[in-house]
Amino acid sequence: MLVIWGRSNSINVQKVLWCCEEMGLAYQRMDAGGAFGVVSTQRYRELNPNGLVPAIDDDGFVLWESNAVVRYLAARHSAGNLWPSHIHMRAEADCWMEWCNTTLWPALRPLFIALIRTPPQSRDRSAIEDARLRTAAALRTIDMHLANHEHVAGEAFSMGDIPLACCAWRWLTLPIERPALGNLERWFDAMTKRPAYRRIVMHPLS
């Protein structure tokens, strides 16, 4: 059976869990990271030398880095669905998955950490506002893209939607001022109707 190591409130672990739930793929999740520790143990470092979550063990095949795991699982178990058959759609999904890691999450993460995991008396208001503005600017990019796309990689839900929707839940749940981004909000509303997304991602931030 597929084993997924990582705490359930981690954005990167949620990507993998949601992917599995969409496919109806059986898995066992092992608590690791955050308050659970584990990631500094020799056993875990043999799975993921970076000491981060998630890591998976798929009948002896070990893989880490959340987007790589999502791609692998989608390719193996959902060819033609989460893993688009058309090479251009697949490349577009891949492109936006990378954009989430290189552009959106680096902007959003400091905002999330400051407002959810930092005591109020220790928050840097200037840094929070800078992160809010940088995140809003990044999201305008995907909002423009979604003006002509039902989903990230075209008309159908795919692996490309997964990282963005995990980020979007955090952005749209944080107690902040947000610009109106109608295309993103329309797409997000569609995500909230997916049972697997509701089960895995739509929980109070922690």
N, C-alpha and C. Protein backbone atom coordinates (compact mmCIF):
# COMPACT_ATOMS: atom_id res chain seq x y z
N MET A 1 0.83 -1.20 0.00
CA MET A 1 0.00 0.00 0.00
C MET A 1 0.87 1.25 0.00
N LEU A 2 0.38 2.29 -0.63
CA LEU A 2 1.05 3.58 -0.64
C LEU A 2 1.07 4.16 0.78
N VAL A 3 2.24 4.57 1.22
CA VAL A 3 2.40 5.21 2.53
C VAL A 3 2.82 6.66 2.30
N ILE A 4 2.11 7.57 2.94
CA ILE A 4 2.39 9.00 2.83
C ILE A 4 2.80 9.51 4.21
N TRP A 5 3.99 10.07 4.27
CA TRP A 5 4.48 10.62 5.52
C TRP A 5 4.23 12.13 5.53
N GLY A 6 3.57 12.60 6.60
CA GLY A 6 3.37 14.04 6.74
C GLY A 6 2.12 14.36 7.55
N ARG A 7 2.15 15.51 8.19
CA ARG A 7 1.01 15.98 8.99
C ARG A 7 -0.09 16.50 8.06
N SER A 8 -1.31 16.31 8.47
CA SER A 8 -2.44 16.59 7.59
C SER A 8 -2.70 18.07 7.37
N ASN A 9 -2.11 18.97 8.19
CA ASN A 9 -2.33 20.41 7.99
C ASN A 9 -1.24 21.06 7.15
N SER A 10 -0.29 20.28 6.66
CA SER A 10 0.76 20.81 5.79
C SER A 10 0.21 21.02 4.39
N ILE A 11 0.45 22.17 3.80
CA ILE A 11 -0.03 22.44 2.45
C ILE A 11 0.54 21.44 1.46
N ASN A 12 1.79 21.07 1.62
CA ASN A 12 2.40 20.15 0.67
C ASN A 12 1.88 18.72 0.84
N VAL A 13 1.60 18.34 2.06
CA VAL A 13 1.00 17.02 2.28
C VAL A 13 -0.43 17.00 1.75
N GLN A 14 -1.15 18.08 1.94
CA GLN A 14 -2.53 18.16 1.44
C GLN A 14 -2.61 17.97 -0.07
N LYS A 15 -1.63 18.49 -0.80
CA LYS A 15 -1.62 18.29 -2.24
C LYS A 15 -1.68 16.80 -2.57
N VAL A 16 -0.84 16.03 -1.90
CA VAL A 16 -0.72 14.59 -2.18
C VAL A 16 -1.97 13.85 -1.72
N LEU A 17 -2.46 14.18 -0.53
CA LEU A 17 -3.66 13.52 -0.01
C LEU A 17 -4.86 13.80 -0.90
N TRP A 18 -5.01 15.06 -1.31
CA TRP A 18 -6.13 15.42 -2.18
C TRP A 18 -6.05 14.67 -3.51
N CYS A 19 -4.86 14.61 -4.07
CA CYS A 19 -4.66 13.87 -5.32
C CYS A 19 -5.13 12.43 -5.16
N CYS A 20 -4.74 11.80 -4.08
CA CYS A 20 -5.13 10.41 -3.83
C CYS A 20 -6.64 10.28 -3.67
N GLU A 21 -7.24 11.21 -2.95
CA GLU A 21 -8.68 11.16 -2.71
C GLU A 21 -9.45 11.34 -4.02
N GLU A 22 -8.97 12.22 -4.89
CA GLU A 22 -9.64 12.41 -6.19
C GLU A 22 -9.65 11.12 -7.00
N MET A 23 -8.60 10.33 -6.85
CA MET A 23 -8.47 9.10 -7.63
C MET A 23 -9.07 7.89 -6.92
N GLY A 24 -9.48 8.07 -5.66
CA GLY A 24 -9.96 6.93 -4.90
C GLY A 24 -8.86 5.93 -4.60
N LEU A 25 -7.64 6.45 -4.45
CA LEU A 25 -6.46 5.60 -4.24
C LEU A 25 -6.26 5.34 -2.75
N ALA A 26 -6.15 4.10 -2.37
CA ALA A 26 -5.93 3.74 -0.97
C ALA A 26 -4.52 4.13 -0.54
N TYR A 27 -4.41 4.62 0.69
CA TYR A 27 -3.10 5.01 1.23
C TYR A 27 -3.15 4.95 2.75
N GLN A 28 -1.97 4.94 3.32
CA GLN A 28 -1.82 5.06 4.77
C GLN A 28 -1.00 6.31 5.05
N ARG A 29 -1.51 7.19 5.89
CA ARG A 29 -0.76 8.40 6.23
C ARG A 29 -0.10 8.23 7.59
N MET A 30 1.17 8.59 7.66
CA MET A 30 1.93 8.53 8.90
C MET A 30 2.25 9.95 9.35
N ASP A 31 1.89 10.29 10.59
CA ASP A 31 2.18 11.63 11.10
C ASP A 31 3.68 11.89 11.10
N ALA A 32 4.06 13.04 10.58
CA ALA A 32 5.47 13.46 10.57
C ALA A 32 5.51 14.95 10.33
N GLY A 33 6.52 15.59 10.90
CA GLY A 33 6.68 17.03 10.73
C GLY A 33 5.95 17.80 11.81
N GLY A 34 6.37 19.06 12.01
CA GLY A 34 5.74 19.90 13.01
C GLY A 34 5.85 19.29 14.40
N ALA A 35 4.74 19.30 15.13
CA ALA A 35 4.73 18.79 16.51
C ALA A 35 4.99 17.29 16.58
N PHE A 36 4.85 16.59 15.46
CA PHE A 36 5.04 15.15 15.48
C PHE A 36 6.52 14.75 15.39
N GLY A 37 7.39 15.68 14.99
CA GLY A 37 8.79 15.33 14.86
C GLY A 37 8.99 14.34 13.73
N VAL A 38 9.74 13.31 13.96
CA VAL A 38 10.00 12.20 13.04
C VAL A 38 10.98 12.58 11.92
N VAL A 39 10.86 13.79 11.39
CA VAL A 39 11.62 14.13 10.18
C VAL A 39 13.12 14.22 10.41
N SER A 40 13.56 14.28 11.67
CA SER A 40 14.99 14.34 11.94
C SER A 40 15.58 12.97 12.22
N THR A 41 14.74 11.95 12.23
CA THR A 41 15.24 10.61 12.51
C THR A 41 15.98 10.05 11.31
N GLN A 42 16.88 9.12 11.59
CA GLN A 42 17.65 8.50 10.50
C GLN A 42 16.72 7.78 9.54
N ARG A 43 15.70 7.12 10.07
CA ARG A 43 14.77 6.38 9.22
C ARG A 43 14.08 7.32 8.23
N TYR A 44 13.65 8.48 8.72
CA TYR A 44 12.96 9.38 7.80
C TYR A 44 13.94 10.01 6.82
N ARG A 45 15.13 10.38 7.29
CA ARG A 45 16.11 11.00 6.38
C ARG A 45 16.53 10.05 5.27
N GLU A 46 16.37 8.76 5.48
CA GLU A 46 16.62 7.81 4.40
C GLU A 46 15.54 7.89 3.34
N LEU A 47 14.33 8.32 3.76
CA LEU A 47 13.25 8.54 2.79
C LEU A 47 13.41 9.89 2.10
N ASN A 48 13.62 10.92 2.90
CA ASN A 48 13.76 12.28 2.37
C ASN A 48 14.94 12.97 3.04
N PRO A 49 16.06 13.06 2.36
CA PRO A 49 17.26 13.64 2.97
C PRO A 49 17.10 15.11 3.35
N ASN A 50 16.08 15.80 2.81
CA ASN A 50 15.84 17.18 3.18
C ASN A 50 15.13 17.31 4.53
N GLY A 51 14.57 16.23 5.02
CA GLY A 51 13.88 16.26 6.30
C GLY A 51 12.59 17.05 6.27
N LEU A 52 11.93 17.09 5.10
CA LEU A 52 10.66 17.80 4.95
C LEU A 52 9.56 16.81 4.62
N VAL A 53 8.32 17.29 4.72
CA VAL A 53 7.18 16.46 4.32
C VAL A 53 6.53 17.07 3.10
N PRO A 54 5.93 16.22 2.25
CA PRO A 54 5.74 14.78 2.41
C PRO A 54 6.88 13.97 1.83
N ALA A 55 6.82 12.69 2.14
CA ALA A 55 7.58 11.67 1.41
C ALA A 55 6.63 10.50 1.24
N ILE A 56 6.79 9.75 0.16
CA ILE A 56 5.94 8.57 -0.03
C ILE A 56 6.81 7.34 -0.23
N ASP A 57 6.23 6.22 0.14
CA ASP A 57 6.81 4.91 -0.15
C ASP A 57 5.73 4.11 -0.86
N ASP A 58 5.89 3.93 -2.15
CA ASP A 58 4.91 3.23 -2.98
C ASP A 58 5.43 1.84 -3.30
N ASP A 59 5.20 0.92 -2.38
CA ASP A 59 5.69 -0.46 -2.55
C ASP A 59 7.19 -0.48 -2.84
N GLY A 60 7.94 0.30 -2.09
CA GLY A 60 9.39 0.32 -2.21
C GLY A 60 9.94 1.45 -3.04
N PHE A 61 9.09 2.14 -3.80
CA PHE A 61 9.55 3.30 -4.56
C PHE A 61 9.34 4.53 -3.70
N VAL A 62 10.42 5.21 -3.38
CA VAL A 62 10.39 6.38 -2.49
C VAL A 62 10.51 7.66 -3.30
N LEU A 63 9.67 8.63 -2.96
CA LEU A 63 9.69 9.91 -3.68
C LEU A 63 9.30 11.01 -2.72
N TRP A 64 9.86 12.20 -2.95
CA TRP A 64 9.51 13.38 -2.16
C TRP A 64 9.45 14.57 -3.09
N GLU A 65 9.15 15.75 -2.54
CA GLU A 65 8.77 16.96 -3.26
C GLU A 65 7.32 16.81 -3.74
N SER A 66 6.45 17.61 -3.14
CA SER A 66 5.01 17.41 -3.30
C SER A 66 4.54 17.43 -4.74
N ASN A 67 5.01 18.38 -5.54
CA ASN A 67 4.54 18.44 -6.92
C ASN A 67 5.01 17.23 -7.72
N ALA A 68 6.22 16.78 -7.45
CA ALA A 68 6.72 15.58 -8.13
C ALA A 68 5.88 14.37 -7.74
N VAL A 69 5.48 14.29 -6.49
CA VAL A 69 4.65 13.18 -6.03
C VAL A 69 3.28 13.22 -6.71
N VAL A 70 2.69 14.41 -6.79
CA VAL A 70 1.39 14.54 -7.46
C VAL A 70 1.49 14.11 -8.92
N ARG A 71 2.54 14.55 -9.60
CA ARG A 71 2.72 14.16 -11.01
C ARG A 71 2.85 12.64 -11.15
N TYR A 72 3.66 12.06 -10.31
CA TYR A 72 3.89 10.61 -10.36
C TYR A 72 2.59 9.85 -10.14
N LEU A 73 1.85 10.21 -9.10
CA LEU A 73 0.62 9.50 -8.80
C LEU A 73 -0.42 9.71 -9.89
N ALA A 74 -0.51 10.93 -10.41
CA ALA A 74 -1.46 11.20 -11.49
C ALA A 74 -1.10 10.42 -12.75
N ALA A 75 0.18 10.37 -13.08
CA ALA A 75 0.61 9.64 -14.27
C ALA A 75 0.36 8.14 -14.13
N ARG A 76 0.56 7.63 -12.92
CA ARG A 76 0.42 6.19 -12.72
C ARG A 76 -1.03 5.75 -12.62
N HIS A 77 -1.85 6.59 -11.99
CA HIS A 77 -3.20 6.13 -11.66
C HIS A 77 -4.32 6.91 -12.33
N SER A 78 -4.00 8.01 -13.03
CA SER A 78 -5.08 8.83 -13.58
C SER A 78 -4.72 9.41 -14.93
N ALA A 79 -4.08 8.60 -15.78
CA ALA A 79 -3.74 9.05 -17.13
C ALA A 79 -5.01 9.41 -17.90
N GLY A 80 -5.01 10.58 -18.49
CA GLY A 80 -6.16 11.05 -19.23
C GLY A 80 -7.12 11.87 -18.39
N ASN A 81 -6.91 11.92 -17.08
CA ASN A 81 -7.75 12.72 -16.19
C ASN A 81 -6.87 13.72 -15.44
N LEU A 82 -6.45 13.38 -14.24
CA LEU A 82 -5.54 14.30 -13.53
C LEU A 82 -4.25 14.52 -14.33
N TRP A 83 -3.82 13.48 -15.02
CA TRP A 83 -2.64 13.55 -15.89
C TRP A 83 -3.16 13.73 -17.32
N PRO A 84 -3.21 14.97 -17.84
CA PRO A 84 -3.83 15.20 -19.16
C PRO A 84 -3.15 14.40 -20.26
N SER A 85 -3.97 13.88 -21.17
CA SER A 85 -3.43 13.11 -22.29
C SER A 85 -2.71 13.99 -23.30
N HIS A 86 -3.26 15.18 -23.55
CA HIS A 86 -2.67 16.06 -24.55
C HIS A 86 -1.42 16.70 -23.97
N ILE A 87 -0.33 16.62 -24.70
CA ILE A 87 0.95 17.10 -24.18
C ILE A 87 0.93 18.59 -23.86
N HIS A 88 0.18 19.39 -24.62
CA HIS A 88 0.12 20.83 -24.35
C HIS A 88 -0.63 21.11 -23.05
N MET A 89 -1.72 20.41 -22.82
CA MET A 89 -2.46 20.58 -21.57
C MET A 89 -1.62 20.11 -20.39
N ARG A 90 -0.91 19.01 -20.58
CA ARG A 90 -0.07 18.50 -19.51
C ARG A 90 1.05 19.47 -19.19
N ALA A 91 1.64 20.06 -20.23
CA ALA A 91 2.71 21.03 -20.02
C ALA A 91 2.18 22.29 -19.33
N GLU A 92 0.97 22.70 -19.69
CA GLU A 92 0.39 23.87 -19.05
C GLU A 92 0.10 23.60 -17.57
N ALA A 93 -0.42 22.44 -17.27
CA ALA A 93 -0.63 22.06 -15.86
C ALA A 93 0.69 22.08 -15.11
N ASP A 94 1.71 21.52 -15.72
CA ASP A 94 3.04 21.48 -15.12
C ASP A 94 3.58 22.89 -14.90
N CYS A 95 3.37 23.77 -15.86
CA CYS A 95 3.84 25.15 -15.77
C CYS A 95 3.25 25.85 -14.55
N TRP A 96 1.94 25.72 -14.36
CA TRP A 96 1.30 26.41 -13.23
C TRP A 96 1.63 25.75 -11.90
N MET A 97 1.91 24.46 -11.90
CA MET A 97 2.38 23.82 -10.68
C MET A 97 3.73 24.40 -10.26
N GLU A 98 4.60 24.60 -11.23
CA GLU A 98 5.90 25.21 -10.93
C GLU A 98 5.74 26.66 -10.50
N TRP A 99 4.84 27.38 -11.15
CA TRP A 99 4.58 28.78 -10.78
C TRP A 99 4.14 28.88 -9.33
N CYS A 100 3.33 27.96 -8.89
CA CYS A 100 2.89 27.98 -7.49
C CYS A 100 4.09 27.85 -6.55
N ASN A 101 5.03 26.98 -6.90
CA ASN A 101 6.20 26.78 -6.03
C ASN A 101 7.20 27.92 -6.10
N THR A 102 7.35 28.51 -7.27
CA THR A 102 8.41 29.52 -7.43
C THR A 102 7.93 30.95 -7.22
N THR A 103 6.64 31.21 -7.39
CA THR A 103 6.14 32.58 -7.34
C THR A 103 5.06 32.78 -6.29
N LEU A 104 4.00 31.98 -6.34
CA LEU A 104 2.87 32.23 -5.44
C LEU A 104 3.18 31.86 -3.99
N TRP A 105 3.62 30.64 -3.74
CA TRP A 105 3.82 30.23 -2.35
C TRP A 105 4.94 31.02 -1.66
N PRO A 106 6.04 31.36 -2.32
CA PRO A 106 7.03 32.21 -1.65
C PRO A 106 6.48 33.57 -1.23
N ALA A 107 5.50 34.09 -1.96
CA ALA A 107 4.87 35.34 -1.56
C ALA A 107 3.87 35.13 -0.44
N LEU A 108 3.09 34.05 -0.53
CA LEU A 108 2.01 33.80 0.43
C LEU A 108 2.49 33.21 1.75
N ARG A 109 3.52 32.40 1.72
CA ARG A 109 3.95 31.71 2.93
C ARG A 109 4.28 32.66 4.08
N PRO A 110 5.03 33.75 3.87
CA PRO A 110 5.30 34.66 5.00
C PRO A 110 4.03 35.25 5.60
N LEU A 111 3.03 35.50 4.77
CA LEU A 111 1.76 36.03 5.25
C LEU A 111 1.05 34.98 6.11
N PHE A 112 1.03 33.74 5.65
CA PHE A 112 0.41 32.65 6.40
C PHE A 112 1.12 32.44 7.73
N ILE A 113 2.45 32.39 7.70
CA ILE A 113 3.21 32.16 8.94
C ILE A 113 2.96 33.29 9.93
N ALA A 114 2.94 34.52 9.44
CA ALA A 114 2.77 35.67 10.33
C ALA A 114 1.40 35.70 10.98
N LEU A 115 0.38 35.39 10.22
CA LEU A 115 -0.99 35.54 10.72
C LEU A 115 -1.55 34.30 11.41
N ILE A 116 -0.98 33.15 11.14
CA ILE A 116 -1.52 31.91 11.71
C ILE A 116 -0.58 31.31 12.75
N ARG A 117 0.71 31.44 12.54
CA ARG A 117 1.64 30.73 13.43
C ARG A 117 2.54 31.66 14.24
N THR A 118 2.29 32.94 14.18
CA THR A 118 3.09 33.91 14.94
C THR A 118 2.17 34.63 15.92
N PRO A 119 2.54 34.71 17.21
CA PRO A 119 1.72 35.44 18.19
C PRO A 119 1.54 36.90 17.76
N PRO A 120 0.38 37.49 18.00
CA PRO A 120 0.11 38.88 17.57
C PRO A 120 1.18 39.86 17.99
N GLN A 121 1.71 39.71 19.20
CA GLN A 121 2.69 40.67 19.70
C GLN A 121 4.04 40.57 18.98
N SER A 122 4.23 39.48 18.25
CA SER A 122 5.52 39.28 17.56
C SER A 122 5.43 39.54 16.06
N ARG A 123 4.29 39.97 15.57
CA ARG A 123 4.11 40.15 14.14
C ARG A 123 4.72 41.45 13.64
N ASP A 124 5.31 41.36 12.46
CA ASP A 124 5.89 42.53 11.80
C ASP A 124 4.86 43.04 10.80
N ARG A 125 4.18 44.12 11.13
CA ARG A 125 3.09 44.63 10.29
C ARG A 125 3.57 45.04 8.90
N SER A 126 4.77 45.59 8.83
CA SER A 126 5.31 45.99 7.54
C SER A 126 5.56 44.79 6.65
N ALA A 127 6.11 43.73 7.23
CA ALA A 127 6.38 42.52 6.47
C ALA A 127 5.08 41.85 6.04
N ILE A 128 4.06 41.90 6.89
CA ILE A 128 2.76 41.33 6.56
C ILE A 128 2.15 42.06 5.36
N GLU A 129 2.20 43.38 5.38
CA GLU A 129 1.63 44.15 4.28
C GLU A 129 2.40 43.90 2.99
N ASP A 130 3.72 43.80 3.08
CA ASP A 130 4.52 43.52 1.89
C ASP A 130 4.15 42.16 1.30
N ALA A 131 3.98 41.16 2.16
CA ALA A 131 3.60 39.82 1.69
C ALA A 131 2.20 39.83 1.08
N ARG A 132 1.30 40.59 1.69
CA ARG A 132 -0.06 40.67 1.16
C ARG A 132 -0.06 41.27 -0.24
N LEU A 133 0.69 42.32 -0.44
CA LEU A 133 0.74 42.97 -1.74
C LEU A 133 1.41 42.09 -2.78
N ARG A 134 2.47 41.40 -2.40
CA ARG A 134 3.16 40.52 -3.34
C ARG A 134 2.28 39.34 -3.74
N THR A 135 1.52 38.81 -2.77
CA THR A 135 0.62 37.70 -3.08
C THR A 135 -0.51 38.16 -4.01
N ALA A 136 -1.07 39.31 -3.72
CA ALA A 136 -2.14 39.84 -4.57
C ALA A 136 -1.64 40.04 -5.99
N ALA A 137 -0.42 40.55 -6.12
CA ALA A 137 0.14 40.77 -7.46
C ALA A 137 0.32 39.44 -8.19
N ALA A 138 0.79 38.43 -7.48
CA ALA A 138 0.95 37.11 -8.11
C ALA A 138 -0.40 36.54 -8.55
N LEU A 139 -1.39 36.69 -7.70
CA LEU A 139 -2.70 36.13 -8.01
C LEU A 139 -3.39 36.84 -9.18
N ARG A 140 -3.02 38.07 -9.43
CA ARG A 140 -3.57 38.74 -10.62
C ARG A 140 -3.13 38.02 -11.89
N THR A 141 -1.96 37.42 -11.84
CA THR A 141 -1.45 36.68 -13.00
C THR A 141 -2.34 35.48 -13.31
N ILE A 142 -2.65 34.68 -12.30
CA ILE A 142 -3.50 33.52 -12.54
C ILE A 142 -4.93 33.95 -12.79
N ASP A 143 -5.37 35.05 -12.22
CA ASP A 143 -6.72 35.55 -12.47
C ASP A 143 -6.89 35.89 -13.96
N MET A 144 -5.89 36.51 -14.55
CA MET A 144 -5.95 36.81 -15.98
C MET A 144 -5.97 35.53 -16.81
N HIS A 145 -5.19 34.56 -16.41
CA HIS A 145 -5.17 33.28 -17.12
C HIS A 145 -6.53 32.61 -17.07
N LEU A 146 -7.17 32.64 -15.90
CA LEU A 146 -8.45 31.97 -15.73
C LEU A 146 -9.60 32.69 -16.43
N ALA A 147 -9.35 33.88 -16.93
CA ALA A 147 -10.38 34.56 -17.72
C ALA A 147 -10.74 33.77 -18.97
N ASN A 148 -9.78 32.99 -19.46
CA ASN A 148 -10.00 32.23 -20.70
C ASN A 148 -9.87 30.73 -20.51
N HIS A 149 -9.86 30.30 -19.26
CA HIS A 149 -9.71 28.88 -18.95
C HIS A 149 -10.66 28.51 -17.82
N GLU A 150 -11.37 27.43 -17.99
CA GLU A 150 -12.26 26.97 -16.92
C GLU A 150 -11.45 26.47 -15.74
N HIS A 151 -10.35 25.78 -16.05
CA HIS A 151 -9.43 25.29 -15.03
C HIS A 151 -8.02 25.72 -15.42
N VAL A 152 -7.06 25.36 -14.61
CA VAL A 152 -5.69 25.83 -14.82
C VAL A 152 -5.15 25.40 -16.18
N ALA A 153 -5.45 24.17 -16.58
CA ALA A 153 -4.89 23.66 -17.84
C ALA A 153 -5.96 23.46 -18.92
N GLY A 154 -7.04 24.22 -18.83
CA GLY A 154 -8.06 24.11 -19.87
C GLY A 154 -9.44 23.93 -19.28
N GLU A 155 -10.24 23.10 -19.92
CA GLU A 155 -11.63 22.94 -19.50
C GLU A 155 -11.82 21.90 -18.41
N ALA A 156 -10.85 21.04 -18.20
CA ALA A 156 -11.02 19.94 -17.24
C ALA A 156 -10.12 20.11 -16.04
N PHE A 157 -10.61 19.65 -14.90
CA PHE A 157 -9.80 19.60 -13.67
C PHE A 157 -8.61 18.68 -13.90
N SER A 158 -7.44 19.08 -13.42
CA SER A 158 -6.23 18.28 -13.60
C SER A 158 -5.29 18.49 -12.42
N MET A 159 -4.15 17.83 -12.50
CA MET A 159 -3.13 17.99 -11.46
C MET A 159 -2.72 19.44 -11.31
N GLY A 160 -2.84 20.24 -12.36
CA GLY A 160 -2.43 21.63 -12.31
C GLY A 160 -3.24 22.47 -11.35
N ASP A 161 -4.48 22.05 -11.07
CA ASP A 161 -5.33 22.80 -10.15
C ASP A 161 -4.98 22.56 -8.69
N ILE A 162 -4.33 21.46 -8.40
CA ILE A 162 -4.15 21.04 -7.01
C ILE A 162 -3.28 22.00 -6.20
N PRO A 163 -2.06 22.33 -6.61
CA PRO A 163 -1.27 23.26 -5.79
C PRO A 163 -1.93 24.63 -5.64
N LEU A 164 -2.52 25.15 -6.73
CA LEU A 164 -3.14 26.47 -6.66
C LEU A 164 -4.31 26.47 -5.68
N ALA A 165 -5.13 25.44 -5.70
CA ALA A 165 -6.29 25.40 -4.81
C ALA A 165 -5.87 25.26 -3.35
N CYS A 166 -4.77 24.59 -3.08
CA CYS A 166 -4.28 24.51 -1.71
C CYS A 166 -3.80 25.88 -1.23
N CYS A 167 -3.17 26.63 -2.11
CA CYS A 167 -2.76 28.00 -1.78
C CYS A 167 -3.98 28.91 -1.65
N ALA A 168 -4.93 28.77 -2.56
CA ALA A 168 -6.09 29.66 -2.58
C ALA A 168 -6.90 29.56 -1.31
N TRP A 169 -7.02 28.35 -0.74
CA TRP A 169 -7.75 28.20 0.52
C TRP A 169 -7.11 29.06 1.61
N ARG A 170 -5.80 29.08 1.65
CA ARG A 170 -5.12 29.89 2.67
C ARG A 170 -5.32 31.37 2.41
N TRP A 171 -5.15 31.80 1.18
CA TRP A 171 -5.31 33.21 0.83
C TRP A 171 -6.73 33.71 1.15
N LEU A 172 -7.72 32.92 0.79
CA LEU A 172 -9.10 33.35 0.93
C LEU A 172 -9.65 33.15 2.34
N THR A 173 -8.87 32.54 3.21
CA THR A 173 -9.30 32.31 4.59
C THR A 173 -8.60 33.25 5.57
N LEU A 174 -7.46 33.78 5.19
CA LEU A 174 -6.71 34.68 6.08
C LEU A 174 -7.51 35.96 6.36
N PRO A 175 -7.36 36.51 7.56
CA PRO A 175 -8.08 37.74 7.92
C PRO A 175 -7.39 38.98 7.36
N ILE A 176 -7.51 39.18 6.06
CA ILE A 176 -6.82 40.28 5.39
C ILE A 176 -7.75 40.92 4.37
N GLU A 177 -7.33 42.08 3.89
CA GLU A 177 -8.03 42.72 2.78
C GLU A 177 -7.52 42.10 1.48
N ARG A 178 -8.47 41.78 0.60
CA ARG A 178 -8.11 41.14 -0.67
C ARG A 178 -8.73 41.89 -1.84
N PRO A 179 -8.00 42.03 -2.93
CA PRO A 179 -8.61 42.64 -4.12
C PRO A 179 -9.62 41.69 -4.74
N ALA A 180 -10.58 42.24 -5.44
CA ALA A 180 -11.55 41.41 -6.15
C ALA A 180 -10.87 40.77 -7.35
N LEU A 181 -10.90 39.45 -7.40
CA LEU A 181 -10.33 38.69 -8.51
C LEU A 181 -11.40 37.71 -8.97
N GLY A 182 -12.27 38.19 -9.83
CA GLY A 182 -13.47 37.45 -10.18
C GLY A 182 -13.23 36.09 -10.81
N ASN A 183 -12.22 36.00 -11.67
CA ASN A 183 -11.96 34.72 -12.33
C ASN A 183 -11.43 33.68 -11.34
N LEU A 184 -10.53 34.12 -10.47
CA LEU A 184 -10.01 33.24 -9.43
C LEU A 184 -11.13 32.79 -8.49
N GLU A 185 -12.00 33.72 -8.13
CA GLU A 185 -13.10 33.39 -7.21
C GLU A 185 -14.09 32.41 -7.86
N ARG A 186 -14.36 32.58 -9.15
CA ARG A 186 -15.22 31.63 -9.86
C ARG A 186 -14.61 30.25 -9.88
N TRP A 187 -13.32 30.17 -10.18
CA TRP A 187 -12.61 28.89 -10.19
C TRP A 187 -12.59 28.28 -8.78
N PHE A 188 -12.31 29.10 -7.77
CA PHE A 188 -12.25 28.61 -6.39
C PHE A 188 -13.60 28.05 -5.96
N ASP A 189 -14.67 28.71 -6.35
CA ASP A 189 -16.00 28.22 -6.01
C ASP A 189 -16.21 26.81 -6.58
N ALA A 190 -15.71 26.58 -7.79
CA ALA A 190 -15.80 25.24 -8.37
C ALA A 190 -14.99 24.23 -7.56
N MET A 191 -13.83 24.64 -7.06
CA MET A 191 -13.01 23.75 -6.23
C MET A 191 -13.75 23.35 -4.96
N THR A 192 -14.44 24.29 -4.35
CA THR A 192 -15.12 24.01 -3.07
C THR A 192 -16.26 23.01 -3.23
N LYS A 193 -16.67 22.76 -4.44
CA LYS A 193 -17.73 21.78 -4.68
C LYS A 193 -17.19 20.37 -4.86
N ARG A 194 -15.88 20.23 -4.85
CA ARG A 194 -15.27 18.91 -4.99
C ARG A 194 -15.17 18.26 -3.60
N PRO A 195 -15.84 17.12 -3.40
CA PRO A 195 -15.83 16.49 -2.07
C PRO A 195 -14.44 16.22 -1.52
N ALA A 196 -13.52 15.80 -2.37
CA ALA A 196 -12.17 15.49 -1.88
C ALA A 196 -11.45 16.75 -1.40
N TYR A 197 -11.68 17.86 -2.07
CA TYR A 197 -11.08 19.13 -1.63
C TYR A 197 -11.63 19.52 -0.27
N ARG A 198 -12.92 19.37 -0.08
CA ARG A 198 -13.54 19.71 1.18
C ARG A 198 -13.01 18.82 2.31
N ARG A 199 -12.83 17.55 2.02
CA ARG A 199 -12.34 16.62 3.05
C ARG A 199 -10.91 16.92 3.46
N ILE A 200 -10.06 17.23 2.50
CA ILE A 200 -8.62 17.30 2.77
C ILE A 200 -8.13 18.72 3.06
N VAL A 201 -8.62 19.69 2.34
CA VAL A 201 -8.02 21.04 2.40
C VAL A 201 -8.83 22.02 3.22
N MET A 202 -10.14 21.97 3.15
CA MET A 202 -10.98 23.02 3.72
C MET A 202 -11.20 22.83 5.22
N HIS A 203 -10.13 23.06 5.97
CA HIS A 203 -10.16 22.98 7.42
C HIS A 203 -9.62 24.30 8.00
N PRO A 204 -9.94 24.62 9.23
CA PRO A 204 -9.37 25.83 9.84
C PRO A 204 -7.84 25.84 9.72
N LEU A 205 -7.29 26.99 9.41
CA LEU A 205 -5.85 27.09 9.23
C LEU A 205 -5.12 26.89 10.54
N SER A 206 -4.01 26.18 10.45
CA SER A 206 -3.22 25.92 11.66
C SER A 206 -1.76 25.69 11.27
